[in-house]
All heavy atoms as atom14 arrays in JSON, in Angstrom:
{
  "sequence": "RLVPAASVRDVVRPLRALEAVETEVRQVHIVELRREPL",
  "atom14_mask": [
    [1, 1, 1, 1, 1, 1, 1, 1, 1, 1, 1, 0, 0, 0],
    [1, 1, 1, 1, 1, 1, 1, 1, 0, 0, 0, 0, 0, 0],
    [1, 1, 1, 1, 1, 1, 1, 0, 0, 0, 0, 0, 0, 0],
    [1, 1, 1, 1, 1, 1, 1, 0, 0, 0, 0, 0, 0, 0],
    [1, 1, 1, 1, 1, 0, 0, 0, 0, 0, 0, 0, 0, 0],
    [1, 1, 1, 1, 1, 0, 0, 0, 0, 0, 0, 0, 0, 0],
    [1, 1, 1, 1, 1, 1, 0, 0, 0, 0, 0, 0, 0, 0],
    [1, 1, 1, 1, 1, 1, 1, 0, 0, 0, 0, 0, 0, 0],
    [1, 1, 1, 1, 1, 1, 1, 1, 1, 1, 1, 0, 0, 0],
    [1, 1, 1, 1, 1, 1, 1, 1, 0, 0, 0, 0, 0, 0],
    [1, 1, 1, 1, 1, 1, 1, 0, 0, 0, 0, 0, 0, 0],
    [1, 1, 1, 1, 1, 1, 1, 0, 0, 0, 0, 0, 0, 0],
    [1, 1, 1, 1, 1, 1, 1, 1, 1, 1, 1, 0, 0, 0],
    [1, 1, 1, 1, 1, 1, 1, 0, 0, 0, 0, 0, 0, 0],
    [1, 1, 1, 1, 1, 1, 1, 1, 0, 0, 0, 0, 0, 0],
    [1, 1, 1, 1, 1, 1, 1, 1, 1, 1, 1, 0, 0, 0],
    [1, 1, 1, 1, 1, 0, 0, 0, 0, 0, 0, 0, 0, 0],
    [1, 1, 1, 1, 1, 1, 1, 1, 0, 0, 0, 0, 0, 0],
    [1, 1, 1, 1, 1, 1, 1, 1, 1, 0, 0, 0, 0, 0],
    [1, 1, 1, 1, 1, 0, 0, 0, 0, 0, 0, 0, 0, 0],
    [1, 1, 1, 1, 1, 1, 1, 0, 0, 0, 0, 0, 0, 0],
    [1, 1, 1, 1, 1, 1, 1, 1, 1, 0, 0, 0, 0, 0],
    [1, 1, 1, 1, 1, 1, 1, 0, 0, 0, 0, 0, 0, 0],
    [1, 1, 1, 1, 1, 1, 1, 1, 1, 0, 0, 0, 0, 0],
    [1, 1, 1, 1, 1, 1, 1, 0, 0, 0, 0, 0, 0, 0],
    [1, 1, 1, 1, 1, 1, 1, 1, 1, 1, 1, 0, 0, 0],
    [1, 1, 1, 1, 1, 1, 1, 1, 1, 0, 0, 0, 0, 0],
    [1, 1, 1, 1, 1, 1, 1, 0, 0, 0, 0, 0, 0, 0],
    [1, 1, 1, 1, 1, 1, 1, 1, 1, 1, 0, 0, 0, 0],
    [1, 1, 1, 1, 1, 1, 1, 1, 0, 0, 0, 0, 0, 0],
    [1, 1, 1, 1, 1, 1, 1, 0, 0, 0, 0, 0, 0, 0],
    [1, 1, 1, 1, 1, 1, 1, 1, 1, 0, 0, 0, 0, 0],
    [1, 1, 1, 1, 1, 1, 1, 1, 0, 0, 0, 0, 0, 0],
    [1, 1, 1, 1, 1, 1, 1, 1, 1, 1, 1, 0, 0, 0],
    [1, 1, 1, 1, 1, 1, 1, 1, 1, 1, 1, 0, 0, 0],
    [1, 1, 1, 1, 1, 1, 1, 1, 1, 0, 0, 0, 0, 0],
    [1, 1, 1, 1, 1, 1, 1, 0, 0, 0, 0, 0, 0, 0],
    [1, 1, 1, 1, 1, 1, 1, 1, 0, 0, 0, 0, 0, 0]
  ],
  "atom14_positions": [
    [[0.86, -1.19, 0.0], [0.0, 0.0, 0.0], [0.89, 1.23, 0.0], [2.11, 1.14, 0.17], [-0.9, 0.01, 1.24], [-0.15, 0.18, 2.54], [-1.02, -0.1, 3.73], [-0.35, 0.22, 4.99], [0.62, -0.48, 5.52], [1.06, -1.59, 4.91], [1.18, -0.14, 6.66], [0.0, 0.0, 0.0], [0.0, 0.0, 0.0], [0.0, 0.0, 0.0]],
    [[0.3, 2.4, -0.17], [1.06, 3.64, -0.11], [1.44, 3.94, 1.33], [0.59, 3.96, 2.22], [0.24, 4.79, -0.69], [-0.03, 4.75, -2.21], [-0.94, 5.9, -2.62], [1.27, 4.81, -2.97], [0.0, 0.0, 0.0], [0.0, 0.0, 0.0], [0.0, 0.0, 0.0], [0.0, 0.0, 0.0], [0.0, 0.0, 0.0], [0.0, 0.0, 0.0]],
    [[2.72, 4.17, 1.54], [3.25, 4.48, 2.87], [4.23, 5.64, 2.73], [5.03, 5.66, 1.79], [3.98, 3.26, 3.48], [4.56, 3.59, 4.85], [3.05, 2.07, 3.58], [0.0, 0.0, 0.0], [0.0, 0.0, 0.0], [0.0, 0.0, 0.0], [0.0, 0.0, 0.0], [0.0, 0.0, 0.0], [0.0, 0.0, 0.0], [0.0, 0.0, 0.0]],
    [[4.21, 6.61, 3.63], [5.18, 7.7, 3.54], [6.61, 7.16, 3.59], [6.94, 6.33, 4.44], [4.87, 8.56, 4.78], [3.44, 8.26, 5.09], [3.24, 6.81, 4.73], [0.0, 0.0, 0.0], [0.0, 0.0, 0.0], [0.0, 0.0, 0.0], [0.0, 0.0, 0.0], [0.0, 0.0, 0.0], [0.0, 0.0, 0.0], [0.0, 0.0, 0.0]],
    [[7.44, 7.63, 2.67], [8.82, 7.14, 2.61], [9.57, 7.37, 3.92], [10.38, 6.55, 4.33], [9.55, 7.81, 1.45], [0.0, 0.0, 0.0], [0.0, 0.0, 0.0], [0.0, 0.0, 0.0], [0.0, 0.0, 0.0], [0.0, 0.0, 0.0], [0.0, 0.0, 0.0], [0.0, 0.0, 0.0], [0.0, 0.0, 0.0], [0.0, 0.0, 0.0]],
    [[9.26, 8.47, 4.58], [9.95, 8.78, 5.83], [9.68, 7.72, 6.89], [10.57, 7.37, 7.68], [9.52, 10.15, 6.35], [0.0, 0.0, 0.0], [0.0, 0.0, 0.0], [0.0, 0.0, 0.0], [0.0, 0.0, 0.0], [0.0, 0.0, 0.0], [0.0, 0.0, 0.0], [0.0, 0.0, 0.0], [0.0, 0.0, 0.0], [0.0, 0.0, 0.0]],
    [[8.48, 7.17, 6.9], [8.14, 6.13, 7.88], [8.96, 4.87, 7.63], [9.42, 4.23, 8.58], [6.65, 5.8, 7.79], [5.85, 6.93, 8.07], [0.0, 0.0, 0.0], [0.0, 0.0, 0.0], [0.0, 0.0, 0.0], [0.0, 0.0, 0.0], [0.0, 0.0, 0.0], [0.0, 0.0, 0.0], [0.0, 0.0, 0.0], [0.0, 0.0, 0.0]],
    [[9.13, 4.53, 6.36], [9.93, 3.35, 6.02], [11.39, 3.58, 6.38], [12.05, 2.72, 6.95], [9.76, 3.0, 4.53], [10.61, 1.79, 4.17], [8.29, 2.73, 4.2], [0.0, 0.0, 0.0], [0.0, 0.0, 0.0], [0.0, 0.0, 0.0], [0.0, 0.0, 0.0], [0.0, 0.0, 0.0], [0.0, 0.0, 0.0], [0.0, 0.0, 0.0]],
    [[11.91, 4.76, 6.04], [13.31, 5.06, 6.35], [13.58, 4.96, 7.84], [14.61, 4.43, 8.27], [13.67, 6.46, 5.84], [13.9, 6.56, 4.35], [14.63, 7.84, 4.01], [13.85, 9.02, 4.36], [13.02, 9.64, 3.54], [12.87, 9.2, 2.3], [12.36, 10.71, 3.92], [0.0, 0.0, 0.0], [0.0, 0.0, 0.0], [0.0, 0.0, 0.0]],
    [[12.67, 5.45, 8.65], [12.87, 5.43, 10.1], [12.97, 4.0, 10.63], [13.75, 3.71, 11.54], [11.72, 6.16, 10.81], [11.77, 7.67, 10.6], [12.84, 8.17, 10.17], [10.74, 8.34, 10.85], [0.0, 0.0, 0.0], [0.0, 0.0, 0.0], [0.0, 0.0, 0.0], [0.0, 0.0, 0.0], [0.0, 0.0, 0.0], [0.0, 0.0, 0.0]],
    [[12.17, 3.11, 10.06], [12.17, 1.72, 10.52], [13.4, 0.98, 10.0], [13.99, 0.16, 10.72], [10.87, 1.01, 10.06], [10.93, -0.47, 10.39], [9.65, 1.65, 10.74], [0.0, 0.0, 0.0], [0.0, 0.0, 0.0], [0.0, 0.0, 0.0], [0.0, 0.0, 0.0], [0.0, 0.0, 0.0], [0.0, 0.0, 0.0], [0.0, 0.0, 0.0]],
    [[13.78, 1.27, 8.77], [14.89, 0.54, 8.15], [16.25, 1.02, 8.64], [17.2, 0.24, 8.71], [14.79, 0.67, 6.61], [16.05, 0.15, 5.93], [13.56, -0.09, 6.1], [0.0, 0.0, 0.0], [0.0, 0.0, 0.0], [0.0, 0.0, 0.0], [0.0, 0.0, 0.0], [0.0, 0.0, 0.0], [0.0, 0.0, 0.0], [0.0, 0.0, 0.0]],
    [[16.37, 2.28, 9.0], [17.68, 2.87, 9.32], [18.5, 2.06, 10.31], [19.7, 1.81, 10.08], [17.5, 4.3, 9.81], [18.83, 5.05, 9.99], [18.62, 6.49, 10.39], [18.02, 7.26, 9.31], [16.79, 7.77, 9.34], [16.02, 7.59, 10.41], [16.32, 8.45, 8.32], [0.0, 0.0, 0.0], [0.0, 0.0, 0.0], [0.0, 0.0, 0.0]],
    [[17.94, 1.6, 11.44], [18.77, 0.83, 12.37], [19.31, -0.48, 11.78], [20.37, -0.96, 12.21], [17.82, 0.54, 13.54], [16.76, 1.59, 13.44], [16.59, 1.83, 11.97], [0.0, 0.0, 0.0], [0.0, 0.0, 0.0], [0.0, 0.0, 0.0], [0.0, 0.0, 0.0], [0.0, 0.0, 0.0], [0.0, 0.0, 0.0], [0.0, 0.0, 0.0]],
    [[18.61, -1.03, 10.82], [19.03, -2.31, 10.23], [20.24, -2.16, 9.32], [20.91, -3.16, 9.02], [17.87, -2.92, 9.44], [16.58, -3.16, 10.22], [15.49, -3.7, 9.3], [16.82, -4.1, 11.39], [0.0, 0.0, 0.0], [0.0, 0.0, 0.0], [0.0, 0.0, 0.0], [0.0, 0.0, 0.0], [0.0, 0.0, 0.0], [0.0, 0.0, 0.0]],
    [[20.53, -0.94, 8.92], [21.67, -0.73, 8.03], [23.01, -0.93, 8.74], [24.05, -1.05, 8.1], [21.59, 0.66, 7.4], [20.38, 0.81, 6.48], [20.29, 2.2, 5.88], [21.44, 2.53, 5.06], [21.61, 2.14, 3.81], [20.71, 1.38, 3.23], [22.67, 2.5, 3.13], [0.0, 0.0, 0.0], [0.0, 0.0, 0.0], [0.0, 0.0, 0.0]],
    [[22.97, -0.98, 10.07], [24.2, -1.18, 10.83], [24.53, -2.66, 11.03], [25.61, -2.98, 11.55], [24.09, -0.48, 12.19], [0.0, 0.0, 0.0], [0.0, 0.0, 0.0], [0.0, 0.0, 0.0], [0.0, 0.0, 0.0], [0.0, 0.0, 0.0], [0.0, 0.0, 0.0], [0.0, 0.0, 0.0], [0.0, 0.0, 0.0], [0.0, 0.0, 0.0]],
    [[23.63, -3.55, 10.63], [23.89, -4.97, 10.8], [25.02, -5.43, 9.89], [25.19, -4.93, 8.78], [22.62, -5.78, 10.48], [21.42, -5.58, 11.42], [20.21, -6.32, 10.87], [21.76, -6.07, 12.82], [0.0, 0.0, 0.0], [0.0, 0.0, 0.0], [0.0, 0.0, 0.0], [0.0, 0.0, 0.0], [0.0, 0.0, 0.0], [0.0, 0.0, 0.0]],
    [[25.79, -6.4, 10.36], [26.86, -6.96, 9.55], [26.28, -7.74, 8.36], [25.19, -8.31, 8.45], [27.74, -7.89, 10.38], [28.58, -7.16, 11.43], [29.58, -6.22, 10.79], [30.2, -6.61, 9.77], [29.74, -5.09, 11.29], [0.0, 0.0, 0.0], [0.0, 0.0, 0.0], [0.0, 0.0, 0.0], [0.0, 0.0, 0.0], [0.0, 0.0, 0.0]],
    [[27.04, -7.74, 7.29], [26.62, -8.5, 6.11], [26.65, -9.99, 6.41], [27.45, -10.46, 7.22], [27.54, -8.18, 4.94], [0.0, 0.0, 0.0], [0.0, 0.0, 0.0], [0.0, 0.0, 0.0], [0.0, 0.0, 0.0], [0.0, 0.0, 0.0], [0.0, 0.0, 0.0], [0.0, 0.0, 0.0], [0.0, 0.0, 0.0], [0.0, 0.0, 0.0]],
    [[25.76, -10.73, 5.75], [25.81, -12.19, 5.81], [26.21, -12.7, 4.44], [25.95, -12.07, 3.42], [24.46, -12.81, 6.25], [24.15, -12.43, 7.68], [23.33, -12.38, 5.33], [0.0, 0.0, 0.0], [0.0, 0.0, 0.0], [0.0, 0.0, 0.0], [0.0, 0.0, 0.0], [0.0, 0.0, 0.0], [0.0, 0.0, 0.0], [0.0, 0.0, 0.0]],
    [[26.85, -13.86, 4.41], [27.43, -14.37, 3.18], [26.79, -15.71, 2.81], [26.47, -16.51, 3.69], [28.94, -14.54, 3.37], [29.72, -14.68, 2.08], [31.19, -14.32, 2.27], [31.52, -13.63, 3.27], [32.0, -14.72, 1.43], [0.0, 0.0, 0.0], [0.0, 0.0, 0.0], [0.0, 0.0, 0.0], [0.0, 0.0, 0.0], [0.0, 0.0, 0.0]],
    [[26.6, -15.92, 1.53], [26.05, -17.18, 1.05], [26.72, -17.55, -0.26], [27.22, -16.68, -0.98], [24.52, -17.09, 0.87], [23.98, -18.37, 0.56], [24.14, -16.12, -0.23], [0.0, 0.0, 0.0], [0.0, 0.0, 0.0], [0.0, 0.0, 0.0], [0.0, 0.0, 0.0], [0.0, 0.0, 0.0], [0.0, 0.0, 0.0], [0.0, 0.0, 0.0]],
    [[26.76, -18.83, -0.57], [27.41, -19.3, -1.78], [26.37, -19.51, -2.88], [25.32, -20.11, -2.64], [28.14, -20.62, -1.5], [29.03, -21.09, -2.63], [30.35, -20.35, -2.7], [30.58, -19.43, -1.88], [31.16, -20.68, -3.58], [0.0, 0.0, 0.0], [0.0, 0.0, 0.0], [0.0, 0.0, 0.0], [0.0, 0.0, 0.0], [0.0, 0.0, 0.0]],
    [[26.66, -19.0, -4.07], [25.78, -19.17, -5.22], [26.36, -20.26, -6.1], [27.46, -20.11, -6.65], [25.64, -17.86, -6.0], [24.81, -18.07, -7.27], [25.03, -16.78, -5.12], [0.0, 0.0, 0.0], [0.0, 0.0, 0.0], [0.0, 0.0, 0.0], [0.0, 0.0, 0.0], [0.0, 0.0, 0.0], [0.0, 0.0, 0.0], [0.0, 0.0, 0.0]],
    [[25.65, -21.37, -6.24], [26.12, -22.52, -7.01], [25.23, -22.86, -8.2], [25.59, -23.67, -9.03], [26.23, -23.75, -6.1], [27.18, -23.57, -4.92], [27.23, -24.83, -4.08], [28.05, -24.65, -2.87], [29.37, -24.79, -2.85], [30.02, -25.13, -3.95], [30.04, -24.61, -1.72], [0.0, 0.0, 0.0], [0.0, 0.0, 0.0], [0.0, 0.0, 0.0]],
    [[24.02, -22.25, -8.24], [23.08, -22.57, -9.32], [22.32, -21.33, -9.75], [22.13, -20.38, -9.0], [22.07, -23.62, -8.84], [22.64, -24.99, -8.54], [21.57, -25.96, -8.08], [20.63, -25.59, -7.38], [21.69, -27.22, -8.48], [0.0, 0.0, 0.0], [0.0, 0.0, 0.0], [0.0, 0.0, 0.0], [0.0, 0.0, 0.0], [0.0, 0.0, 0.0]],
    [[21.88, -21.36, -10.99], [20.97, -20.36, -11.54], [19.8, -21.12, -12.15], [19.99, -22.16, -12.78], [21.67, -19.51, -12.63], [20.69, -18.51, -13.22], [22.87, -18.8, -12.05], [0.0, 0.0, 0.0], [0.0, 0.0, 0.0], [0.0, 0.0, 0.0], [0.0, 0.0, 0.0], [0.0, 0.0, 0.0], [0.0, 0.0, 0.0], [0.0, 0.0, 0.0]],
    [[18.58, -20.61, -11.97], [17.39, -21.3, -12.45], [16.66, -20.48, -13.5], [16.52, -19.26, -13.36], [16.42, -21.57, -11.29], [17.03, -22.28, -10.13], [17.39, -23.61, -10.17], [17.35, -21.83, -8.89], [17.91, -23.95, -9.0], [17.89, -22.89, -8.21], [0.0, 0.0, 0.0], [0.0, 0.0, 0.0], [0.0, 0.0, 0.0], [0.0, 0.0, 0.0]],
    [[16.2, -21.15, -14.54], [15.2, -20.57, -15.43], [13.85, -21.02, -14.89], [13.63, -22.21, -14.69], [15.39, -21.06, -16.87], [16.75, -20.6, -17.4], [14.27, -20.54, -17.77], [17.09, -21.16, -18.77], [0.0, 0.0, 0.0], [0.0, 0.0, 0.0], [0.0, 0.0, 0.0], [0.0, 0.0, 0.0], [0.0, 0.0, 0.0], [0.0, 0.0, 0.0]],
    [[12.98, -20.07, -14.6], [11.74, -20.38, -13.91], [10.53, -19.8, -14.62], [10.64, -18.83, -15.38], [11.75, -19.87, -12.45], [12.97, -20.37, -11.7], [11.7, -18.34, -12.4], [0.0, 0.0, 0.0], [0.0, 0.0, 0.0], [0.0, 0.0, 0.0], [0.0, 0.0, 0.0], [0.0, 0.0, 0.0], [0.0, 0.0, 0.0], [0.0, 0.0, 0.0]],
    [[9.39, -20.39, -14.37], [8.11, -19.79, -14.73], [7.59, -19.1, -13.48], [7.26, -19.74, -12.49], [7.12, -20.86, -15.21], [5.81, -20.25, -15.7], [4.81, -21.3, -16.15], [4.83, -22.42, -15.6], [4.0, -20.99, -17.03], [0.0, 0.0, 0.0], [0.0, 0.0, 0.0], [0.0, 0.0, 0.0], [0.0, 0.0, 0.0], [0.0, 0.0, 0.0]],
    [[7.53, -17.78, -13.57], [7.22, -16.95, -12.41], [5.76, -16.52, -12.43], [5.21, -16.23, -13.49], [8.11, -15.71, -12.44], [8.04, -14.73, -11.27], [8.67, -15.34, -10.02], [8.77, -13.44, -11.64], [0.0, 0.0, 0.0], [0.0, 0.0, 0.0], [0.0, 0.0, 0.0], [0.0, 0.0, 0.0], [0.0, 0.0, 0.0], [0.0, 0.0, 0.0]],
    [[5.15, -16.51, -11.27], [3.77, -16.03, -11.19], [3.64, -15.15, -9.94], [4.33, -15.34, -8.94], [2.77, -17.19, -11.11], [2.93, -18.08, -9.89], [2.0, -19.29, -9.95], [2.1, -20.09, -8.73], [3.01, -21.05, -8.52], [3.9, -21.32, -9.47], [3.03, -21.72, -7.4], [0.0, 0.0, 0.0], [0.0, 0.0, 0.0], [0.0, 0.0, 0.0]],
    [[2.77, -14.17, -10.04], [2.51, -13.27, -8.91], [1.26, -13.74, -8.2], [0.17, -13.77, -8.78], [2.31, -11.85, -9.41], [2.09, -10.83, -8.28], [3.32, -10.65, -7.43], [3.27, -9.4, -6.68], [3.35, -9.32, -5.36], [3.46, -10.43, -4.64], [3.33, -8.17, -4.74], [0.0, 0.0, 0.0], [0.0, 0.0, 0.0], [0.0, 0.0, 0.0]],
    [[1.41, -14.17, -6.95], [0.28, -14.55, -6.11], [-0.08, -13.37, -5.22], [0.65, -12.37, -5.18], [0.62, -15.81, -5.33], [0.82, -17.02, -6.24], [0.99, -18.33, -5.49], [1.13, -18.29, -4.25], [1.0, -19.39, -6.15], [0.0, 0.0, 0.0], [0.0, 0.0, 0.0], [0.0, 0.0, 0.0], [0.0, 0.0, 0.0], [0.0, 0.0, 0.0]],
    [[-1.18, -13.43, -4.47], [-1.63, -12.27, -3.72], [-0.58, -11.65, -2.79], [-0.51, -10.43, -2.66], [-2.82, -12.82, -2.92], [-3.37, -13.9, -3.78], [-2.17, -14.54, -4.43], [0.0, 0.0, 0.0], [0.0, 0.0, 0.0], [0.0, 0.0, 0.0], [0.0, 0.0, 0.0], [0.0, 0.0, 0.0], [0.0, 0.0, 0.0], [0.0, 0.0, 0.0]],
    [[0.26, -12.47, -2.15], [1.2, -11.92, -1.18], [2.66, -12.1, -1.56], [3.54, -11.64, -0.83], [0.96, -12.55, 0.2], [-0.44, -12.36, 0.8], [-0.52, -13.03, 2.17], [-0.79, -10.88, 0.93], [0.0, 0.0, 0.0], [0.0, 0.0, 0.0], [0.0, 0.0, 0.0], [0.0, 0.0, 0.0], [0.0, 0.0, 0.0], [0.0, 0.0, 0.0]]
  ]
}
């Protein structure tokens, strides 16, 4: 839904200080994508 950008920034800002997490990428997929309600 429409939300003021400032509200999102305020909530997200503390999360920007978290350390990065790392993962290994070993595969790429060709997929049939669909948009469901959520």
